[in-house]
Amino acid sequence: MNTLSQLLSDASESPVHFQFGCQLQKCTQRLTKSQKPYYELELVDAGGSGALKIWNNHPQFDQTAELKAGAFLNIEGHFTKNQYGLDSQDWQWVHLSDEGKEVLLLGDPLLKEKQDEDWNTITELCAEIKDPRLHALCKKFFGDFTERFRRAAAARKNHHARRGGLTEHVAQMMRSAVAICTAYPHLNQDLMITAILFHDCGKLWENNYPETDFHQTYNLHAEALGHITLGIELVNKLWRDICEIGQSEWKLIEPATEQVRIHLLHMIASHHGQLDFGSPVVPKTPEAFALHYIDNLDAKMEMCELAYENSNSLSSHIVEKKFPLPGNLILPLKKYK
């Protein structure tokens, strides 16, 4: 089955025939400048989201009012993409069968393969952690939260905003951390890898998906506290659990167990880098600075990739700005062969 993400990437000013499955996230009625009604459908699948408009002269305009959020659809037609986004004059939709819904929920095979590889990267690097406290913490987390972690997104929009996006984000951050720890060997790699695993663990509630849905849920705890506070609370809970088992063995280990906990919590608390970006404290250790910049770098690289794939072309070398990037993007320079 083709995907919405493929359509958003392949569509251009020339019509392309495409059939894909998706889930309706929201259906909103709006008015054009001339006060004519139209519907805007927010569509999602395993790889991302996009919008499609139903104008008032569309054959299914009247039926659209009956569509409910959460519906699984099969859409087919000839599509174009211009400065106003995705468009089509001849597309049709039908509800997906139960079998089609199951296939769609499995996700794009290529994306699933990548996320499986990323998950292997995460577990393998955590398995190499030498500090017994941090090793035990990661193991406890995997035992309790693997399925929830693998469904979570890294954000509600802007970057890695898809089912499994948190896995992709964390794996790439870990690969970057290993490279940076090679360049700066004084950095504590065990602490770096552990902090990367947990820096966004509050998003298991803030940006999670049900098992049979592509729509991110809203959670009272996440709305009231935010993912940084939830992450600190979760790490403290898991830390108490592992200390009940290993505390007597860890009393003589240096650095002291309490110092390890505080340094890890500081990295989670400060990873947004600035107070006005939501961190309750600014980075105050080399590892905290490194975590902040690695996190920001991976988010920006993903935003650039999404803009190159989905934004409108302004010229042969320039792509239209995609929020929250600061300006229009220039196409990257090809590597010298």
Protein backbone atom coordinates (compact mmCIF):
# COMPACT_ATOMS: atom_id res chain seq x y z
CA MET A 1 0.00 0.00 0.00
CA ASN A 2 1.32 3.46 -0.93
CA THR A 3 1.64 6.02 1.83
CA LEU A 4 0.62 9.62 2.37
CA SER A 5 4.27 10.46 3.00
CA GLN A 6 5.21 9.14 -0.45
CA LEU A 7 2.53 11.28 -2.06
CA LEU A 8 3.70 14.42 -0.26
CA SER A 9 7.24 13.69 -1.42
CA ASP A 10 6.39 12.76 -5.04
CA ALA A 11 3.66 15.28 -5.88
CA SER A 12 4.55 18.33 -7.97
CA GLU A 13 2.84 20.79 -10.29
CA SER A 14 2.29 17.96 -12.79
CA PRO A 15 -0.58 15.60 -11.84
CA VAL A 16 0.44 12.19 -10.50
CA HIS A 17 -1.94 9.25 -10.06
CA PHE A 18 -1.81 7.93 -6.52
CA GLN A 19 -3.72 5.61 -4.20
CA PHE A 20 -3.01 5.52 -0.49
CA GLY A 21 -4.47 4.62 2.89
CA CYS A 22 -4.61 7.05 5.79
CA GLN A 23 -6.50 8.03 8.92
CA LEU A 24 -8.57 11.19 9.25
CA GLN A 25 -7.23 13.24 12.13
CA LYS A 26 -9.56 16.20 11.77
CA CYS A 27 -12.18 17.53 9.35
CA THR A 28 -12.71 21.30 9.55
CA GLN A 29 -15.14 23.43 7.55
CA ARG A 30 -13.74 26.75 6.40
CA LEU A 31 -14.61 29.61 4.04
CA THR A 32 -12.72 30.86 0.99
CA LYS A 33 -12.07 34.58 0.48
CA SER A 34 -15.28 34.68 -1.56
CA GLN A 35 -17.14 33.09 1.39
CA LYS A 36 -17.63 29.70 -0.29
CA PRO A 37 -17.48 26.72 2.10
CA TYR A 38 -14.84 24.01 1.86
CA TYR A 39 -13.48 21.26 4.09
CA GLU A 40 -9.88 20.75 5.10
CA LEU A 41 -8.96 17.17 5.96
CA GLU A 42 -5.95 16.56 8.20
CA LEU A 43 -4.66 13.11 7.21
CA VAL A 44 -2.08 10.94 9.00
CA ASP A 45 -0.33 7.61 8.58
CA ALA A 46 2.71 5.92 10.11
CA GLY A 47 5.11 8.27 8.32
CA GLY A 48 3.56 11.68 8.91
CA SER A 49 0.68 14.00 8.14
CA GLY A 50 -0.72 16.25 5.43
CA ALA A 51 -3.77 18.31 4.51
CA LEU A 52 -6.21 17.94 1.63
CA LYS A 53 -9.07 20.28 0.76
CA ILE A 54 -12.57 19.36 -0.48
CA TRP A 55 -14.06 22.27 -2.44
CA ASN A 56 -17.81 22.83 -2.56
CA ASN A 57 -18.00 21.54 -6.17
CA HIS A 58 -16.41 18.20 -5.25
CA PRO A 59 -18.78 15.20 -5.78
CA GLN A 60 -18.30 14.10 -2.15
CA PHE A 61 -18.57 17.53 -0.56
CA ASP A 62 -21.95 16.79 1.07
CA GLN A 63 -20.79 13.38 2.31
CA THR A 64 -17.75 14.92 3.95
CA ALA A 65 -19.85 16.33 6.79
CA GLU A 66 -20.48 12.72 7.87
CA LEU A 67 -16.77 11.91 8.19
CA LYS A 68 -15.65 11.45 11.78
CA ALA A 69 -12.17 11.93 13.22
CA GLY A 70 -10.41 8.58 13.44
CA ALA A 71 -11.92 7.16 10.24
CA PHE A 72 -9.58 5.05 8.11
CA LEU A 73 -9.78 5.94 4.41
CA ASN A 74 -8.54 4.75 1.05
CA ILE A 75 -7.99 7.73 -1.27
CA GLU A 76 -7.30 7.61 -5.01
CA GLY A 77 -6.93 10.28 -7.68
CA HIS A 78 -4.57 12.57 -9.58
CA PHE A 79 -2.74 14.96 -7.27
CA THR A 80 -0.67 18.09 -7.63
CA LYS A 81 1.28 20.20 -5.14
CA ASN A 82 1.65 23.97 -5.39
CA GLN A 83 2.13 26.96 -3.11
CA TYR A 84 -1.20 26.16 -1.45
CA GLY A 85 -0.24 22.55 -0.72
CA LEU A 86 -1.69 19.25 -1.92
CA ASP A 87 -4.62 19.46 -4.35
CA SER A 88 -6.73 17.34 -6.70
CA GLN A 89 -9.87 17.77 -8.76
CA ASP A 90 -10.81 14.13 -9.34
CA TRP A 91 -9.97 12.20 -6.18
CA GLN A 92 -12.38 9.90 -4.33
CA TRP A 93 -12.40 8.32 -0.89
CA VAL A 94 -13.91 5.16 0.57
CA HIS A 95 -13.66 3.69 4.06
CA LEU A 96 -10.90 1.12 4.50
CA SER A 97 -11.88 -2.47 5.19
CA ASP A 98 -10.78 -4.07 8.46
CA GLU A 99 -8.05 -5.91 6.53
CA GLY A 100 -6.89 -2.66 4.91
CA LYS A 101 -6.81 -0.97 8.31
CA GLU A 102 -4.60 -3.74 9.73
CA VAL A 103 -2.19 -3.39 6.80
CA LEU A 104 -2.06 0.39 7.25
CA LEU A 105 -1.34 0.10 10.98
CA LEU A 106 1.71 -2.05 10.20
CA GLY A 107 3.23 1.04 8.61
CA ASP A 108 5.50 1.59 5.65
CA PRO A 109 7.81 -1.48 5.46
CA LEU A 110 10.88 0.67 4.77
CA LEU A 111 10.13 2.96 7.71
CA LYS A 112 9.48 -0.02 9.97
CA GLU A 113 12.79 -1.58 8.93
CA LYS A 114 14.61 1.66 9.74
CA GLN A 115 12.91 1.95 13.14
CA ASP A 116 13.81 -1.67 13.93
CA GLU A 117 17.46 -0.91 13.12
CA ASP A 118 17.29 2.23 15.25
CA TRP A 119 15.85 0.26 18.15
CA ASN A 120 18.72 -2.23 17.86
CA THR A 121 21.17 0.69 18.00
CA ILE A 122 19.56 1.97 21.20
CA THR A 123 19.55 -1.40 23.00
CA GLU A 124 23.07 -2.31 21.87
CA LEU A 125 24.60 0.99 23.02
CA CYS A 126 22.76 0.79 26.35
CA ALA A 127 23.99 -2.78 26.80
CA GLU A 128 27.57 -1.47 26.54
CA ILE A 129 27.15 0.95 29.47
CA LYS A 130 29.77 0.09 32.10
CA ASP A 131 28.39 2.02 35.08
CA PRO A 132 26.25 -0.59 36.88
CA ARG A 133 23.72 2.02 38.11
CA LEU A 134 23.08 3.45 34.66
CA HIS A 135 23.10 -0.02 33.09
CA ALA A 136 20.48 -1.24 35.58
CA LEU A 137 18.36 1.90 35.02
CA CYS A 138 18.23 1.38 31.24
CA LYS A 139 17.46 -2.32 31.65
CA LYS A 140 14.60 -1.54 34.04
CA PHE A 141 13.22 1.05 31.62
CA PHE A 142 13.28 -1.39 28.69
CA GLY A 143 11.52 -4.02 30.80
CA ASP A 144 8.70 -1.66 31.76
CA PHE A 145 8.23 0.68 28.77
CA THR A 146 9.57 -0.79 25.51
CA GLU A 147 6.24 -0.97 23.67
CA ARG A 148 5.14 2.48 24.78
CA PHE A 149 8.53 3.95 23.88
CA ARG A 150 8.48 2.45 20.39
CA ARG A 151 5.03 3.96 19.66
CA ALA A 152 5.93 7.47 20.83
CA ALA A 153 6.74 10.45 18.63
CA ALA A 154 9.52 12.93 19.40
CA ALA A 155 7.12 15.86 18.94
CA ARG A 156 3.55 16.73 18.02
CA LYS A 157 4.84 18.53 14.91
CA ASN A 158 8.05 19.91 13.36
CA HIS A 159 10.36 16.88 13.72
CA HIS A 160 9.97 13.10 14.11
CA ALA A 161 6.24 13.70 14.60
CA ARG A 162 5.17 10.17 13.75
CA ARG A 163 4.65 6.81 15.40
CA GLY A 164 8.12 5.54 16.26
CA GLY A 165 9.67 8.97 15.74
CA LEU A 166 11.15 9.01 19.25
CA THR A 167 13.04 5.81 18.47
CA GLU A 168 14.54 7.40 15.34
CA HIS A 169 15.44 10.60 17.20
CA VAL A 170 17.07 8.86 20.18
CA ALA A 171 19.04 6.40 18.02
CA GLN A 172 20.51 9.15 15.85
CA MET A 173 21.36 11.21 18.93
CA MET A 174 23.18 8.21 20.40
CA ARG A 175 25.19 7.73 17.21
CA SER A 176 26.14 11.42 17.33
CA ALA A 177 27.09 11.13 21.00
CA VAL A 178 29.45 8.23 20.32
CA ALA A 179 31.18 10.27 17.62
CA ILE A 180 31.39 13.37 19.84
CA CYS A 181 32.76 11.37 22.77
CA THR A 182 35.53 10.21 20.44
CA ALA A 183 36.37 13.83 19.63
CA TYR A 184 36.02 14.90 23.30
CA PRO A 185 37.20 11.85 25.30
CA HIS A 186 36.74 13.61 28.65
CA LEU A 187 32.97 13.33 28.22
CA ASN A 188 31.27 10.56 30.22
CA GLN A 189 29.86 8.37 27.44
CA ASP A 190 27.87 6.15 29.85
CA LEU A 191 26.12 9.25 31.18
CA MET A 192 25.62 10.67 27.67
CA ILE A 193 23.96 7.51 26.32
CA THR A 194 21.72 7.16 29.38
CA ALA A 195 20.68 10.83 29.32
CA ILE A 196 19.82 10.60 25.62
CA LEU A 197 17.58 7.59 26.30
CA PHE A 198 15.77 9.46 29.09
CA HIS A 199 15.88 13.11 27.96
CA ASP A 200 12.49 12.83 26.23
CA CYS A 201 11.02 9.90 28.16
CA GLY A 202 8.19 12.15 29.34
CA LYS A 203 7.00 12.07 25.74
CA LEU A 204 5.82 8.51 26.34
CA TRP A 205 2.79 10.40 27.69
CA GLU A 206 3.07 13.75 25.93
CA ASN A 207 3.43 12.37 22.37
CA ASN A 208 2.12 8.81 22.43
CA TYR A 209 -0.17 6.82 20.18
CA PRO A 210 -2.71 4.13 21.02
CA GLU A 211 -1.91 0.67 19.65
CA THR A 212 -4.52 0.95 16.87
CA ASP A 213 -4.44 4.65 15.98
CA PHE A 214 -2.23 7.25 14.28
CA HIS A 215 -3.67 10.11 16.32
CA GLN A 216 -1.50 11.36 19.18
CA THR A 217 -3.48 11.39 22.39
CA TYR A 218 -3.63 14.18 24.97
CA ASN A 219 -2.74 13.26 28.54
CA LEU A 220 -3.65 15.18 31.71
CA HIS A 221 -0.25 14.60 33.31
CA ALA A 222 1.59 15.75 30.19
CA GLU A 223 -0.52 18.89 29.81
CA ALA A 224 -0.20 19.76 33.49
CA LEU A 225 3.50 18.99 33.96
CA GLY A 226 5.26 18.74 30.56
CA HIS A 227 7.66 16.07 29.37
CA ILE A 228 10.73 17.36 31.25
CA THR A 229 8.97 17.18 34.63
CA LEU A 230 7.51 13.77 33.78
CA GLY A 231 10.95 12.54 32.70
CA ILE A 232 12.51 13.58 36.00
CA GLU A 233 9.68 11.92 37.92
CA LEU A 234 10.02 8.69 35.92
CA VAL A 235 13.79 8.48 36.37
CA ASN A 236 13.45 9.04 40.12
CA LYS A 237 10.84 6.25 40.31
CA LEU A 238 13.01 3.81 38.35
CA TRP A 239 16.08 4.84 40.36
CA ARG A 240 14.35 3.95 43.62
CA ASP A 241 13.38 0.60 42.13
CA ILE A 242 16.92 -0.34 41.09
CA CYS A 243 18.48 0.93 44.33
CA GLU A 244 16.30 -1.44 46.35
CA ILE A 245 18.10 -4.26 44.55
CA GLY A 246 21.65 -2.96 44.14
CA GLN A 247 22.18 -0.36 46.82
CA SER A 248 24.39 -2.48 49.08
CA GLU A 249 26.67 -3.38 46.16
CA TRP A 250 26.99 0.26 45.03
CA LYS A 251 27.96 1.92 48.32
CA LEU A 252 31.70 1.85 47.63
CA ILE A 253 31.51 2.69 43.89
CA GLU A 254 32.95 5.99 42.66
CA PRO A 255 31.44 8.31 41.68
CA ALA A 256 28.80 8.01 44.40
CA THR A 257 25.37 6.78 43.36
CA GLU A 258 23.65 9.98 44.43
CA GLN A 259 26.03 12.06 42.30
CA VAL A 260 25.24 9.91 39.27
CA ARG A 261 21.51 10.42 39.80
CA ILE A 262 21.85 14.21 40.16
CA HIS A 263 24.01 14.55 37.03
CA LEU A 264 21.50 12.51 35.01
CA LEU A 265 18.55 14.55 36.29
CA HIS A 266 20.40 17.79 35.54
CA MET A 267 20.86 16.72 31.92
CA ILE A 268 17.16 15.91 31.54
CA ALA A 269 16.17 19.21 33.19
CA SER A 270 18.50 21.37 31.09
CA HIS A 271 18.33 19.74 27.66
CA HIS A 272 16.24 22.54 26.09
CA GLY A 273 19.21 24.80 26.79
CA GLN A 274 17.37 27.94 27.91
CA LEU A 275 14.85 28.87 30.58
CA ASP A 276 12.56 30.49 28.00
CA PHE A 277 12.58 27.26 25.96
CA GLY A 278 11.09 25.30 28.86
CA SER A 279 14.10 24.05 30.79
CA PRO A 280 13.89 24.72 34.54
CA VAL A 281 17.68 25.07 34.64
CA VAL A 282 20.38 25.87 32.04
CA PRO A 283 23.17 23.37 31.21
CA LYS A 284 25.98 23.45 33.78
CA THR A 285 28.13 20.42 32.87
CA PRO A 286 29.98 19.46 29.66
CA GLU A 287 27.64 16.50 29.17
CA ALA A 288 24.57 18.74 29.59
CA PHE A 289 25.84 21.17 26.95
CA ALA A 290 26.63 18.27 24.61
CA LEU A 291 23.18 16.75 25.08
CA HIS A 292 21.45 20.06 24.31
CA TYR A 293 23.37 20.61 21.08
CA ILE A 294 23.02 16.99 19.92
CA ASP A 295 19.26 17.18 20.51
CA ASN A 296 18.97 20.48 18.66
CA LEU A 297 21.18 19.29 15.79
CA ASP A 298 19.13 16.15 15.14
CA ALA A 299 15.87 18.09 15.26
CA LYS A 300 17.21 20.65 12.74
CA MET A 301 18.52 17.95 10.38
CA GLU A 302 15.08 16.31 10.37
CA MET A 303 13.38 19.67 9.74
CA CYS A 304 15.67 20.31 6.78
CA GLU A 305 14.97 16.88 5.32
CA LEU A 306 11.20 17.37 5.68
CA ALA A 307 11.41 20.79 4.06
CA TYR A 308 13.38 19.47 1.08
CA GLU A 309 10.79 16.70 0.62
CA ASN A 310 7.56 18.59 1.21
CA SER A 311 8.02 22.35 0.85
CA ASN A 312 7.36 24.26 -2.35
CA SER A 313 10.25 25.10 -4.66
CA LEU A 314 10.89 28.83 -5.07
CA SER A 315 13.67 28.36 -7.64
CA SER A 316 16.04 25.68 -8.86
CA HIS A 317 18.11 26.08 -5.67
CA ILE A 318 15.72 27.48 -3.06
CA VAL A 319 12.93 25.82 -1.07
CA GLU A 320 10.20 27.70 0.78
CA LYS A 321 10.65 28.25 4.52
CA LYS A 322 9.19 25.61 6.80
CA PHE A 323 8.41 26.63 10.39
CA PRO A 324 10.27 26.75 12.77
CA LEU A 325 13.36 27.07 10.56
CA PRO A 326 14.49 30.72 10.36
CA GLY A 327 14.31 31.21 6.58
CA ASN A 328 14.04 29.69 3.12
CA LEU A 329 16.32 26.71 2.60
CA ILE A 330 19.03 26.44 -0.04
CA LEU A 331 19.51 23.00 -1.57
CA PRO A 332 22.66 21.34 -0.18
CA LEU A 333 25.88 21.14 -2.16
CA LYS A 334 26.43 17.74 -3.74
CA LYS A 335 29.49 15.82 -2.60
CA TYR A 336 32.53 15.90 -4.86
CA LYS A 337 33.07 12.53 -6.56
